[in-house]
Amino acid sequence: MAQSPPAAHSMLGRIPDAFPQGTARVTDSRLREDICRFARSLFERGLTPGSSGNISVRTDDGGWLVTPTNASLGFLDPARLSRLDAQGRLLDGDKPTKEIPLHAALYDSRSSAKAIVHLHSTHAVAVTMLPEIDPASALPPMTPYFLMKCGSTAMLPYYRPGDPAVADAIRGLAGKHSSVLLANHGPVVAGESLEAAVFATEELEETAKLYLLLRGLNPRYLSPAQVQDLIKTFGLTDIHPASLQ
């Protein structure tokens, strides 16, 4: 059942137009179906258990479609997704995820972002608990596709779920990372489309799994020259200097 929008309260500042003039626009119903389809795929493959995780997609008018709070990604109803306006006010649908400040900050700092995926995937969470992780580049350059899809992944300290302070931490990264690990919590990944954000999140989880499997075995990572070749060939812009050492 649709809910009345909160009175004059905004959860975020205005976000620039999600679809600049001349770009393709996607229907509301198609966006809703895509969110539920990708969400169910993530859930069924064990990438976000129970009612954990959330997804948002920017709409033509600068607002969002967001998964509701306490909703399982495996059993979403397209008609009950939360619709927010450009100021973050609930227009219709169920109450949105408590992680709105997290999504808002990443959209605000990554102008190219059209979708965000936040999961509690096991291996990515496990990596955040290890003592040797570099916050500027949480995972080493293990595979080309990790760098191509995720860039250098940052790690932020622990914040309780829904803590507005995480927004300041995200903005403190100055838009330099499309993928971020939240300590003891999980990954949050922005993409230029929902599909891109989902695929990058999956790549991050698989890279975290590789890291844990190879930890202590002195694995051979990509060399600085190989990383530079990827940067030059594919125009990568989110690579931290730590990935070149």
C-alpha atoms as a PDB file:
ATOM      1  CA  MET A   1       0.000   0.000   0.000  1.00  0.00           C
ATOM      2  CA  ALA A   2       1.314   3.438  -0.884  1.00  0.00           C
ATOM      3  CA  GLN A   3       2.346   5.703   1.969  1.00  0.00           C
ATOM      4  CA  SER A   4       1.886   9.435   2.208  1.00  0.00           C
ATOM      5  CA  PRO A   5       5.147  11.364   1.753  1.00  0.00           C
ATOM      6  CA  PRO A   6       6.714  12.813   4.913  1.00  0.00           C
ATOM      7  CA  ALA A   7       5.918  16.475   5.431  1.00  0.00           C
ATOM      8  CA  ALA A   8       8.626  18.782   4.089  1.00  0.00           C
ATOM      9  CA  HIS A   9      11.472  16.552   5.284  1.00  0.00           C
ATOM     10  CA  SER A  10      14.339  15.730   2.925  1.00  0.00           C
ATOM     11  CA  MET A  11      16.818  12.904   3.432  1.00  0.00           C
ATOM     12  CA  LEU A  12      19.300  14.258   0.891  1.00  0.00           C
ATOM     13  CA  GLY A  13      20.151  17.292  -1.205  1.00  0.00           C
ATOM     14  CA  ARG A  14      19.086  17.628  -4.792  1.00  0.00           C
ATOM     15  CA  ILE A  15      20.817  15.203  -7.149  1.00  0.00           C
ATOM     16  CA  PRO A  16      21.741  16.284 -10.690  1.00  0.00           C
ATOM     17  CA  ASP A  17      19.637  14.966 -13.557  1.00  0.00           C
ATOM     18  CA  ALA A  18      20.213  11.218 -13.822  1.00  0.00           C
ATOM     19  CA  PHE A  19      19.698  11.165 -17.581  1.00  0.00           C
ATOM     20  CA  PRO A  20      21.275  14.152 -19.362  1.00  0.00           C
ATOM     21  CA  GLN A  21      19.682  15.327 -22.594  1.00  0.00           C
ATOM     22  CA  GLY A  22      20.060  12.860 -25.420  1.00  0.00           C
ATOM     23  CA  THR A  23      20.424   9.703 -23.286  1.00  0.00           C
ATOM     24  CA  ALA A  24      17.981   6.816 -23.313  1.00  0.00           C
ATOM     25  CA  ARG A  25      15.202   6.743 -20.728  1.00  0.00           C
ATOM     26  CA  VAL A  26      13.866   3.594 -19.119  1.00  0.00           C
ATOM     27  CA  THR A  27      10.228   3.125 -18.123  1.00  0.00           C
ATOM     28  CA  ASP A  28       9.253   2.969 -14.460  1.00  0.00           C
ATOM     29  CA  SER A  29       7.880  -0.539 -14.770  1.00  0.00           C
ATOM     30  CA  ARG A  30      11.052  -1.785 -16.475  1.00  0.00           C
ATOM     31  CA  LEU A  31      13.248  -0.320 -13.719  1.00  0.00           C
ATOM     32  CA  ARG A  32      11.107  -1.973 -11.066  1.00  0.00           C
ATOM     33  CA  GLU A  33      11.255  -5.326 -12.820  1.00  0.00           C
ATOM     34  CA  ASP A  34      15.023  -5.078 -13.292  1.00  0.00           C
ATOM     35  CA  ILE A  35      15.629  -4.243  -9.630  1.00  0.00           C
ATOM     36  CA  CYS A  36      13.591  -7.253  -8.508  1.00  0.00           C
ATOM     37  CA  ARG A  37      15.181  -9.567 -11.086  1.00  0.00           C
ATOM     38  CA  PHE A  38      18.762  -8.694 -10.158  1.00  0.00           C
ATOM     39  CA  ALA A  39      17.947  -8.655  -6.443  1.00  0.00           C
ATOM     40  CA  ARG A  40      16.481 -12.141  -6.587  1.00  0.00           C
ATOM     41  CA  SER A  41      19.511 -13.425  -8.493  1.00  0.00           C
ATOM     42  CA  LEU A  42      21.847 -12.041  -5.804  1.00  0.00           C
ATOM     43  CA  PHE A  43      19.729 -13.556  -3.030  1.00  0.00           C
ATOM     44  CA  GLU A  44      19.380 -16.981  -4.638  1.00  0.00           C
ATOM     45  CA  ARG A  45      23.153 -17.248  -5.044  1.00  0.00           C
ATOM     46  CA  GLY A  46      23.719 -16.528  -1.355  1.00  0.00           C
ATOM     47  CA  LEU A  47      25.264 -13.103  -1.836  1.00  0.00           C
ATOM     48  CA  THR A  48      23.003 -11.339   0.661  1.00  0.00           C
ATOM     49  CA  PRO A  49      21.070 -13.439   3.201  1.00  0.00           C
ATOM     50  CA  GLY A  50      17.813 -12.827   4.998  1.00  0.00           C
ATOM     51  CA  SER A  51      16.606  -9.231   4.752  1.00  0.00           C
ATOM     52  CA  SER A  52      20.110  -7.812   4.287  1.00  0.00           C
ATOM     53  CA  GLY A  53      21.275  -5.659   1.394  1.00  0.00           C
ATOM     54  CA  ASN A  54      19.657  -2.886  -0.600  1.00  0.00           C
ATOM     55  CA  ILE A  55      19.567  -1.530  -4.151  1.00  0.00           C
ATOM     56  CA  SER A  56      18.739   1.883  -5.570  1.00  0.00           C
ATOM     57  CA  VAL A  57      18.368   3.195  -9.119  1.00  0.00           C
ATOM     58  CA  ARG A  58      18.056   6.822 -10.184  1.00  0.00           C
ATOM     59  CA  THR A  59      15.002   7.749 -12.213  1.00  0.00           C
ATOM     60  CA  ASP A  60      14.480  10.189 -15.069  1.00  0.00           C
ATOM     61  CA  ASP A  61      13.351  13.000 -12.756  1.00  0.00           C
ATOM     62  CA  GLY A  62      16.412  12.773 -10.490  1.00  0.00           C
ATOM     63  CA  GLY A  63      14.595  10.741  -7.849  1.00  0.00           C
ATOM     64  CA  TRP A  64      15.149   7.110  -6.965  1.00  0.00           C
ATOM     65  CA  LEU A  65      13.587   3.699  -6.799  1.00  0.00           C
ATOM     66  CA  VAL A  66      14.875   1.951  -3.672  1.00  0.00           C
ATOM     67  CA  THR A  67      14.356  -1.423  -2.029  1.00  0.00           C
ATOM     68  CA  PRO A  68      12.304  -1.165   1.186  1.00  0.00           C
ATOM     69  CA  THR A  69      13.614  -1.593   4.714  1.00  0.00           C
ATOM     70  CA  ASN A  70      13.547  -5.108   6.212  1.00  0.00           C
ATOM     71  CA  ALA A  71      12.784  -6.615   2.804  1.00  0.00           C
ATOM     72  CA  SER A  72      14.448  -9.745   1.478  1.00  0.00           C
ATOM     73  CA  LEU A  73      16.070  -9.156  -1.901  1.00  0.00           C
ATOM     74  CA  GLY A  74      14.750 -12.559  -2.907  1.00  0.00           C
ATOM     75  CA  PHE A  75      11.088 -11.671  -2.517  1.00  0.00           C
ATOM     76  CA  LEU A  76      10.596  -8.092  -3.652  1.00  0.00           C
ATOM     77  CA  ASP A  77       7.294  -6.840  -5.067  1.00  0.00           C
ATOM     78  CA  PRO A  78       7.875  -4.341  -7.916  1.00  0.00           C
ATOM     79  CA  ALA A  79       4.798  -2.331  -6.892  1.00  0.00           C
ATOM     80  CA  ARG A  80       6.050  -1.899  -3.304  1.00  0.00           C
ATOM     81  CA  LEU A  81       9.505  -0.520  -4.069  1.00  0.00           C
ATOM     82  CA  SER A  82      10.080   2.864  -2.429  1.00  0.00           C
ATOM     83  CA  ARG A  83       9.927   5.845  -4.757  1.00  0.00           C
ATOM     84  CA  LEU A  84      11.758   8.958  -3.550  1.00  0.00           C
ATOM     85  CA  ASP A  85      11.833  12.377  -5.144  1.00  0.00           C
ATOM     86  CA  ALA A  86      15.043  14.313  -5.823  1.00  0.00           C
ATOM     87  CA  GLN A  87      15.012  15.663  -2.262  1.00  0.00           C
ATOM     88  CA  GLY A  88      14.670  12.185  -0.744  1.00  0.00           C
ATOM     89  CA  ARG A  89      10.977  12.421   0.202  1.00  0.00           C
ATOM     90  CA  LEU A  90       8.946   9.244   0.009  1.00  0.00           C
ATOM     91  CA  LEU A  91       6.365   9.536  -2.767  1.00  0.00           C
ATOM     92  CA  ASP A  92       4.915   6.033  -2.723  1.00  0.00           C
ATOM     93  CA  GLY A  93       5.710   2.455  -1.836  1.00  0.00           C
ATOM     94  CA  ASP A  94       6.995   0.973   1.408  1.00  0.00           C
ATOM     95  CA  LYS A  95       9.341   2.702   3.851  1.00  0.00           C
ATOM     96  CA  PRO A  96      12.805   2.797   2.210  1.00  0.00           C
ATOM     97  CA  THR A  97      15.994   1.174   3.435  1.00  0.00           C
ATOM     98  CA  LYS A  98      17.672   2.784   6.432  1.00  0.00           C
ATOM     99  CA  GLU A  99      20.826   3.103   4.304  1.00  0.00           C
ATOM    100  CA  ILE A 100      19.514   6.130   2.389  1.00  0.00           C
ATOM    101  CA  PRO A 101      22.373   8.379   3.687  1.00  0.00           C
ATOM    102  CA  LEU A 102      24.910   5.898   2.289  1.00  0.00           C
ATOM    103  CA  HIS A 103      23.305   5.841  -1.165  1.00  0.00           C
ATOM    104  CA  ALA A 104      22.779   9.594  -1.203  1.00  0.00           C
ATOM    105  CA  ALA A 105      26.427  10.341  -0.440  1.00  0.00           C
ATOM    106  CA  LEU A 106      27.704   8.015  -3.145  1.00  0.00           C
ATOM    107  CA  TYR A 107      25.359   9.495  -5.762  1.00  0.00           C
ATOM    108  CA  ASP A 108      26.365  12.972  -4.645  1.00  0.00           C
ATOM    109  CA  SER A 109      30.086  12.259  -5.026  1.00  0.00           C
ATOM    110  CA  ARG A 110      29.868  10.070  -8.165  1.00  0.00           C
ATOM    111  CA  SER A 111      27.981  12.043 -10.813  1.00  0.00           C
ATOM    112  CA  SER A 112      28.173   9.109 -13.250  1.00  0.00           C
ATOM    113  CA  ALA A 113      26.405   6.743 -10.842  1.00  0.00           C
ATOM    114  CA  LYS A 114      22.947   5.598 -11.913  1.00  0.00           C
ATOM    115  CA  ALA A 115      22.602   2.627  -9.547  1.00  0.00           C
ATOM    116  CA  ILE A 116      24.027   1.437  -6.229  1.00  0.00           C
ATOM    117  CA  VAL A 117      24.173  -2.068  -4.756  1.00  0.00           C
ATOM    118  CA  HIS A 118      24.923  -2.729  -1.091  1.00  0.00           C
ATOM    119  CA  LEU A 119      25.262  -6.351   0.080  1.00  0.00           C
ATOM    120  CA  HIS A 120      26.399  -8.323   3.120  1.00  0.00           C
ATOM    121  CA  SER A 121      28.308 -10.846   1.015  1.00  0.00           C
ATOM    122  CA  THR A 122      30.383 -13.233   3.136  1.00  0.00           C
ATOM    123  CA  HIS A 123      33.880 -12.941   1.680  1.00  0.00           C
ATOM    124  CA  ALA A 124      33.811  -9.189   1.232  1.00  0.00           C
ATOM    125  CA  VAL A 125      32.709  -8.767   4.854  1.00  0.00           C
ATOM    126  CA  ALA A 126      35.411 -11.193   6.025  1.00  0.00           C
ATOM    127  CA  VAL A 127      38.155  -9.192   4.312  1.00  0.00           C
ATOM    128  CA  THR A 128      37.164  -6.060   6.249  1.00  0.00           C
ATOM    129  CA  MET A 129      37.969  -7.824   9.527  1.00  0.00           C
ATOM    130  CA  LEU A 130      41.584  -8.571   8.655  1.00  0.00           C
ATOM    131  CA  PRO A 131      44.330  -6.436  10.238  1.00  0.00           C
ATOM    132  CA  GLU A 132      46.473  -5.877   7.146  1.00  0.00           C
ATOM    133  CA  ILE A 133      43.874  -4.235   4.899  1.00  0.00           C
ATOM    134  CA  ASP A 134      44.893  -0.897   3.366  1.00  0.00           C
ATOM    135  CA  PRO A 135      41.902   1.498   3.591  1.00  0.00           C
ATOM    136  CA  ALA A 136      42.922   3.213   0.345  1.00  0.00           C
ATOM    137  CA  SER A 137      43.181  -0.035  -1.615  1.00  0.00           C
ATOM    138  CA  ALA A 138      41.536  -2.859   0.308  1.00  0.00           C
ATOM    139  CA  LEU A 139      42.310  -5.604  -2.198  1.00  0.00           C
ATOM    140  CA  PRO A 140      45.460  -6.009  -4.292  1.00  0.00           C
ATOM    141  CA  PRO A 141      45.403  -6.058  -8.114  1.00  0.00           C
ATOM    142  CA  MET A 142      44.600  -9.752  -8.412  1.00  0.00           C
ATOM    143  CA  THR A 143      42.808  -9.918 -11.757  1.00  0.00           C
ATOM    144  CA  PRO A 144      42.243  -7.540 -14.667  1.00  0.00           C
ATOM    145  CA  TYR A 145      38.475  -7.708 -14.340  1.00  0.00           C
ATOM    146  CA  PHE A 146      38.590  -6.652 -10.715  1.00  0.00           C
ATOM    147  CA  LEU A 147      40.386  -3.448 -11.704  1.00  0.00           C
ATOM    148  CA  MET A 148      38.241  -2.942 -14.803  1.00  0.00           C
ATOM    149  CA  LYS A 149      34.924  -3.287 -12.960  1.00  0.00           C
ATOM    150  CA  CYS A 150      35.730  -2.091  -9.436  1.00  0.00           C
ATOM    151  CA  GLY A 151      38.860   0.040  -9.654  1.00  0.00           C
ATOM    152  CA  SER A 152      40.690   0.333  -6.335  1.00  0.00           C
ATOM    153  CA  THR A 153      38.295  -0.524  -3.522  1.00  0.00           C
ATOM    154  CA  ALA A 154      38.391   1.742  -0.481  1.00  0.00           C
ATOM    155  CA  MET A 155      37.552   0.599   3.053  1.00  0.00           C
ATOM    156  CA  LEU A 156      35.820   2.747   5.651  1.00  0.00           C
ATOM    157  CA  PRO A 157      35.753   2.205   9.431  1.00  0.00           C
ATOM    158  CA  TYR A 158      32.751   0.641  11.107  1.00  0.00           C
ATOM    159  CA  TYR A 159      29.518   2.640  11.292  1.00  0.00           C
ATOM    160  CA  ARG A 160      26.292   1.194  12.594  1.00  0.00           C
ATOM    161  CA  PRO A 161      23.756   0.452   9.831  1.00  0.00           C
ATOM    162  CA  GLY A 162      21.862   3.605   8.918  1.00  0.00           C
ATOM    163  CA  ASP A 163      24.292   5.933  10.726  1.00  0.00           C
ATOM    164  CA  PRO A 164      24.151   9.325   8.944  1.00  0.00           C
ATOM    165  CA  ALA A 165      27.876   9.761   9.695  1.00  0.00           C
ATOM    166  CA  VAL A 166      28.700   7.235   6.983  1.00  0.00           C
ATOM    167  CA  ALA A 167      27.591   9.847   4.446  1.00  0.00           C
ATOM    168  CA  ASP A 168      30.404  12.179   5.506  1.00  0.00           C
ATOM    169  CA  ALA A 169      32.876   9.310   5.275  1.00  0.00           C
ATOM    170  CA  ILE A 170      31.723   8.480   1.756  1.00  0.00           C
ATOM    171  CA  ARG A 171      31.951  12.114   0.681  1.00  0.00           C
ATOM    172  CA  GLY A 172      35.423  12.226   2.192  1.00  0.00           C
ATOM    173  CA  LEU A 173      36.530   9.832  -0.544  1.00  0.00           C
ATOM    174  CA  ALA A 174      35.844  12.686  -3.004  1.00  0.00           C
ATOM    175  CA  GLY A 175      34.296  10.417  -5.619  1.00  0.00           C
ATOM    176  CA  LYS A 176      37.576   8.594  -6.254  1.00  0.00           C
ATOM    177  CA  HIS A 177      36.139   5.120  -5.623  1.00  0.00           C
ATOM    178  CA  SER A 178      33.144   3.418  -7.213  1.00  0.00           C
ATOM    179  CA  SER A 179      33.492   0.477  -4.810  1.00  0.00           C
ATOM    180  CA  VAL A 180      33.770   0.731  -1.044  1.00  0.00           C
ATOM    181  CA  LEU A 181      33.933  -1.814   1.770  1.00  0.00           C
ATOM    182  CA  LEU A 182      32.256  -0.904   5.060  1.00  0.00           C
ATOM    183  CA  ALA A 183      34.150  -2.533   7.932  1.00  0.00           C
ATOM    184  CA  ASN A 184      32.271  -5.447   9.545  1.00  0.00           C
ATOM    185  CA  HIS A 185      29.325  -4.680   7.285  1.00  0.00           C
ATOM    186  CA  GLY A 186      29.733  -5.186   3.545  1.00  0.00           C
ATOM    187  CA  PRO A 187      30.380  -3.746   0.077  1.00  0.00           C
ATOM    188  CA  VAL A 188      28.657  -0.791  -1.538  1.00  0.00           C
ATOM    189  CA  VAL A 189      29.198  -0.318  -5.271  1.00  0.00           C
ATOM    190  CA  ALA A 190      28.060   2.338  -7.737  1.00  0.00           C
ATOM    191  CA  GLY A 191      27.642   1.769 -11.455  1.00  0.00           C
ATOM    192  CA  GLU A 192      26.599   3.612 -14.605  1.00  0.00           C
ATOM    193  CA  SER A 193      23.684   1.174 -14.834  1.00  0.00           C
ATOM    194  CA  LEU A 194      22.038  -1.344 -12.525  1.00  0.00           C
ATOM    195  CA  GLU A 195      23.625  -4.177 -14.463  1.00  0.00           C
ATOM    196  CA  ALA A 196      27.084  -2.599 -14.136  1.00  0.00           C
ATOM    197  CA  ALA A 197      26.664  -2.095 -10.386  1.00  0.00           C
ATOM    198  CA  VAL A 198      25.516  -5.693  -9.880  1.00  0.00           C
ATOM    199  CA  PHE A 199      28.319  -7.159 -11.986  1.00  0.00           C
ATOM    200  CA  ALA A 200      30.940  -5.054 -10.208  1.00  0.00           C
ATOM    201  CA  THR A 201      29.591  -6.142  -6.818  1.00  0.00           C
ATOM    202  CA  GLU A 202      29.866  -9.772  -7.886  1.00  0.00           C
ATOM    203  CA  GLU A 203      33.426  -9.201  -9.121  1.00  0.00           C
ATOM    204  CA  LEU A 204      34.333  -7.619  -5.772  1.00  0.00           C
ATOM    205  CA  GLU A 205      32.956 -10.597  -3.853  1.00  0.00           C
ATOM    206  CA  GLU A 206      34.864 -13.089  -6.018  1.00  0.00           C
ATOM    207  CA  THR A 207      38.084 -11.096  -5.608  1.00  0.00           C
ATOM    208  CA  ALA A 208      37.618 -11.070  -1.833  1.00  0.00           C
ATOM    209  CA  LYS A 209      37.166 -14.840  -1.981  1.00  0.00           C
ATOM    210  CA  LEU A 210      40.387 -15.204  -3.981  1.00  0.00           C
ATOM    211  CA  TYR A 211      42.224 -13.052  -1.458  1.00  0.00           C
ATOM    212  CA  LEU A 212      41.108 -15.235   1.436  1.00  0.00           C
ATOM    213  CA  LEU A 213      41.945 -18.450  -0.413  1.00  0.00           C
ATOM    214  CA  LEU A 214      45.466 -17.245  -1.226  1.00  0.00           C
ATOM    215  CA  ARG A 215      46.218 -15.385   2.001  1.00  0.00           C
ATOM    216  CA  GLY A 216      49.624 -16.419   3.346  1.00  0.00           C
ATOM    217  CA  LEU A 217      50.619 -18.284   0.163  1.00  0.00           C
ATOM    218  CA  ASN A 218      52.656 -15.455  -1.433  1.00  0.00           C
ATOM    219  CA  PRO A 219      50.454 -15.233  -4.557  1.00  0.00           C
ATOM    220  CA  ARG A 220      51.523 -13.502  -7.756  1.00  0.00           C
ATOM    221  CA  TYR A 221      49.478 -10.341  -8.287  1.00  0.00           C
ATOM    222  CA  LEU A 222      49.395  -8.192 -11.410  1.00  0.00           C
ATOM    223  CA  SER A 223      52.621  -6.261 -11.800  1.00  0.00           C
ATOM    224  CA  PRO A 224      52.719  -2.433 -11.902  1.00  0.00           C
ATOM    225  CA  ALA A 225      53.409  -2.646 -15.635  1.00  0.00           C
ATOM    226  CA  GLN A 226      50.377  -4.879 -16.165  1.00  0.00           C
ATOM    227  CA  VAL A 227      48.184  -2.498 -14.159  1.00  0.00           C
ATOM    228  CA  GLN A 228      49.480   0.460 -16.177  1.00  0.00           C
ATOM    229  CA  ASP A 229      48.648  -1.409 -19.376  1.00  0.00           C
ATOM    230  CA  LEU A 230      45.050  -1.874 -18.175  1.00  0.00           C
ATOM    231  CA  ILE A 231      44.799   1.807 -17.263  1.00  0.00           C
ATOM    232  CA  LYS A 232      46.065   2.866 -20.687  1.00  0.00           C
ATOM    233  CA  THR A 233      44.054   0.332 -22.692  1.00  0.00           C
ATOM    234  CA  PHE A 234      40.709   0.709 -20.941  1.00  0.00           C
ATOM    235  CA  GLY A 235      40.965   4.286 -19.671  1.00  0.00           C
ATOM    236  CA  LEU A 236      40.642   3.280 -16.013  1.00  0.00           C
ATOM    237  CA  THR A 237      40.383   6.252 -13.668  1.00  0.00           C
ATOM    238  CA  ASP A 238      39.681   4.729 -10.239  1.00  0.00           C
ATOM    239  CA  ILE A 239      43.085   3.131  -9.644  1.00  0.00           C
ATOM    240  CA  HIS A 240      44.872   4.137  -6.443  1.00  0.00           C
ATOM    241  CA  PRO A 241      48.711   4.420  -6.449  1.00  0.00           C
ATOM    242  CA  ALA A 242      48.833   1.498  -4.009  1.00  0.00           C
ATOM    243  CA  SER A 243      47.750  -0.765  -6.863  1.00  0.00           C
ATOM    244  CA  LEU A 244      50.880   0.233  -8.775  1.00  0.00           C
ATOM    245  CA  GLN A 245      53.385  -0.775  -6.102  1.00  0.00           C
END
